[in-house]
């Protein structure tokens, strides 16, 4: 019975692990697709066709927005700590 329990537990842990990994991969793929869509839209409005330039411009904007969200989160956390 212990072996059966351990086997079931192992299987449950494996399934949980791979489920989490799959979700990470899905999110990464979705983000990559969104960045490619932004590159395409930027190309349409700007006339820029160089993929390297488009990737750089979109990545720079993405990092800036991410940093802004982190800054706002840190500012909010700081306010909470000053009660």
C-alpha atoms as a PDB file:
ATOM      1  CA  UNK A   1       0.000   0.000   0.000  1.00  0.00           C
ATOM      2  CA  UNK A   2       2.855   2.390   0.776  1.00  0.00           C
ATOM      3  CA  UNK A   3       4.278   1.815  -2.700  1.00  0.00           C
ATOM      4  CA  UNK A   4       0.881   2.530  -4.246  1.00  0.00           C
ATOM      5  CA  UNK A   5       0.535   5.724  -2.199  1.00  0.00           C
ATOM      6  CA  UNK A   6       4.042   6.843  -3.134  1.00  0.00           C
ATOM      7  CA  UNK A   7       3.370   6.070  -6.792  1.00  0.00           C
ATOM      8  CA  UNK A   8       0.161   8.112  -6.695  1.00  0.00           C
ATOM      9  CA  UNK A   9       1.942  10.943  -4.893  1.00  0.00           C
ATOM     10  CA  UNK A  10       4.795  10.893  -7.426  1.00  0.00           C
ATOM     11  CA  UNK A  11       2.334  11.000 -10.304  1.00  0.00           C
ATOM     12  CA  UNK A  12       0.429  13.907  -8.724  1.00  0.00           C
ATOM     13  CA  UNK A  13       3.665  15.858  -8.179  1.00  0.00           C
ATOM     14  CA  UNK A  14       4.767  15.220 -11.773  1.00  0.00           C
ATOM     15  CA  UNK A  15       1.423  16.351 -13.129  1.00  0.00           C
ATOM     16  CA  UNK A  16       1.517  19.486 -11.003  1.00  0.00           C
ATOM     17  CA  UNK A  17       5.067  20.289 -12.096  1.00  0.00           C
ATOM     18  CA  UNK A  18       4.359  19.834 -15.786  1.00  0.00           C
ATOM     19  CA  UNK A  19       1.102  21.746 -15.537  1.00  0.00           C
ATOM     20  CA  UNK A  20       2.989  24.729 -14.082  1.00  0.00           C
ATOM     21  CA  UNK A  21       5.718  24.423 -16.720  1.00  0.00           C
ATOM     22  CA  UNK A  22       3.142  24.283 -19.508  1.00  0.00           C
ATOM     23  CA  UNK A  23       1.437  27.393 -18.157  1.00  0.00           C
ATOM     24  CA  UNK A  24       4.772  29.245 -18.105  1.00  0.00           C
ATOM     25  CA  UNK A  25       5.410  28.220 -21.703  1.00  0.00           C
ATOM     26  CA  UNK A  26       1.894  29.284 -22.770  1.00  0.00           C
ATOM     27  CA  UNK A  27       2.383  32.698 -21.157  1.00  0.00           C
ATOM     28  CA  UNK A  28       5.780  33.130 -22.805  1.00  0.00           C
ATOM     29  CA  UNK A  29       4.371  32.182 -26.207  1.00  0.00           C
ATOM     30  CA  UNK A  30       1.415  34.532 -25.770  1.00  0.00           C
ATOM     31  CA  UNK A  31       3.770  37.384 -24.821  1.00  0.00           C
ATOM     32  CA  UNK A  32       6.021  36.651 -27.793  1.00  0.00           C
ATOM     33  CA  UNK A  33       3.014  36.692 -30.130  1.00  0.00           C
ATOM     34  CA  UNK A  34       1.839  40.004 -28.649  1.00  0.00           C
ATOM     35  CA  UNK A  35       5.282  41.536 -29.200  1.00  0.00           C
ATOM     36  CA  UNK A  36       5.280  40.340 -32.822  1.00  0.00           C
ATOM     37  CA  UNK A  37       1.838  41.917 -33.313  1.00  0.00           C
ATOM     38  CA  UNK A  38       3.183  45.190 -31.921  1.00  0.00           C
ATOM     39  CA  UNK A  39       6.162  44.979 -34.254  1.00  0.00           C
ATOM     40  CA  UNK A  40       3.822  44.474 -37.204  1.00  0.00           C
ATOM     41  CA  UNK A  41       1.601  47.399 -36.159  1.00  0.00           C
ATOM     42  CA  UNK A  42       4.635  49.642 -35.672  1.00  0.00           C
ATOM     43  CA  UNK A  43       5.911  48.655 -39.098  1.00  0.00           C
ATOM     44  CA  UNK A  44       2.552  49.525 -40.649  1.00  0.00           C
ATOM     45  CA  UNK A  45       2.388  53.024 -39.146  1.00  0.00           C
ATOM     46  CA  UNK A  46       6.084  53.889 -39.357  1.00  0.00           C
ATOM     47  CA  UNK A  47       7.122  52.239 -42.591  1.00  0.00           C
ATOM     48  CA  UNK A  48      10.089  50.613 -40.820  1.00  0.00           C
ATOM     49  CA  UNK A  49      10.743  47.193 -42.295  1.00  0.00           C
ATOM     50  CA  UNK A  50      13.984  46.209 -40.570  1.00  0.00           C
ATOM     51  CA  UNK A  51      13.000  43.451 -38.123  1.00  0.00           C
ATOM     52  CA  UNK A  52      15.971  44.124 -35.856  1.00  0.00           C
ATOM     53  CA  UNK A  53      14.992  47.776 -35.462  1.00  0.00           C
ATOM     54  CA  UNK A  54      11.338  46.856 -34.850  1.00  0.00           C
ATOM     55  CA  UNK A  55      12.310  44.234 -32.260  1.00  0.00           C
ATOM     56  CA  UNK A  56      14.549  46.742 -30.483  1.00  0.00           C
ATOM     57  CA  UNK A  57      11.884  49.479 -30.432  1.00  0.00           C
ATOM     58  CA  UNK A  58       9.151  47.161 -29.156  1.00  0.00           C
ATOM     59  CA  UNK A  59      11.457  45.533 -26.580  1.00  0.00           C
ATOM     60  CA  UNK A  60      12.545  48.946 -25.308  1.00  0.00           C
ATOM     61  CA  UNK A  61       8.930  50.036 -24.878  1.00  0.00           C
ATOM     62  CA  UNK A  62       8.065  46.728 -23.198  1.00  0.00           C
ATOM     63  CA  UNK A  63      10.944  47.086 -20.700  1.00  0.00           C
ATOM     64  CA  UNK A  64       9.997  50.711 -19.992  1.00  0.00           C
ATOM     65  CA  UNK A  65       6.384  49.788 -19.249  1.00  0.00           C
ATOM     66  CA  UNK A  66       7.472  46.879 -17.070  1.00  0.00           C
ATOM     67  CA  UNK A  67       9.839  49.156 -15.124  1.00  0.00           C
ATOM     68  CA  UNK A  68       7.047  51.724 -14.680  1.00  0.00           C
ATOM     69  CA  UNK A  69       4.775  49.035 -13.219  1.00  0.00           C
ATOM     70  CA  UNK A  70       7.541  47.960 -10.838  1.00  0.00           C
ATOM     71  CA  UNK A  71       8.150  51.578  -9.787  1.00  0.00           C
ATOM     72  CA  UNK A  72       4.460  52.137  -9.092  1.00  0.00           C
ATOM     73  CA  UNK A  73       4.279  48.889  -7.138  1.00  0.00           C
ATOM     74  CA  UNK A  74       7.302  49.844  -5.054  1.00  0.00           C
ATOM     75  CA  UNK A  75       5.874  53.296  -4.395  1.00  0.00           C
ATOM     76  CA  UNK A  76       2.608  51.750  -3.235  1.00  0.00           C
ATOM     77  CA  UNK A  77       4.429  49.354  -0.949  1.00  0.00           C
ATOM     78  CA  UNK A  78       6.421  52.225   0.524  1.00  0.00           C
ATOM     79  CA  UNK A  79       3.276  54.143   1.363  1.00  0.00           C
ATOM     80  CA  UNK A  80       1.815  51.153   3.145  1.00  0.00           C
ATOM     81  CA  UNK A  81       4.867  50.819   5.343  1.00  0.00           C
ATOM     82  CA  UNK A  82       4.688  54.435   6.606  1.00  0.00           C
ATOM     83  CA  UNK A  83       1.498  54.275   8.603  1.00  0.00           C
END
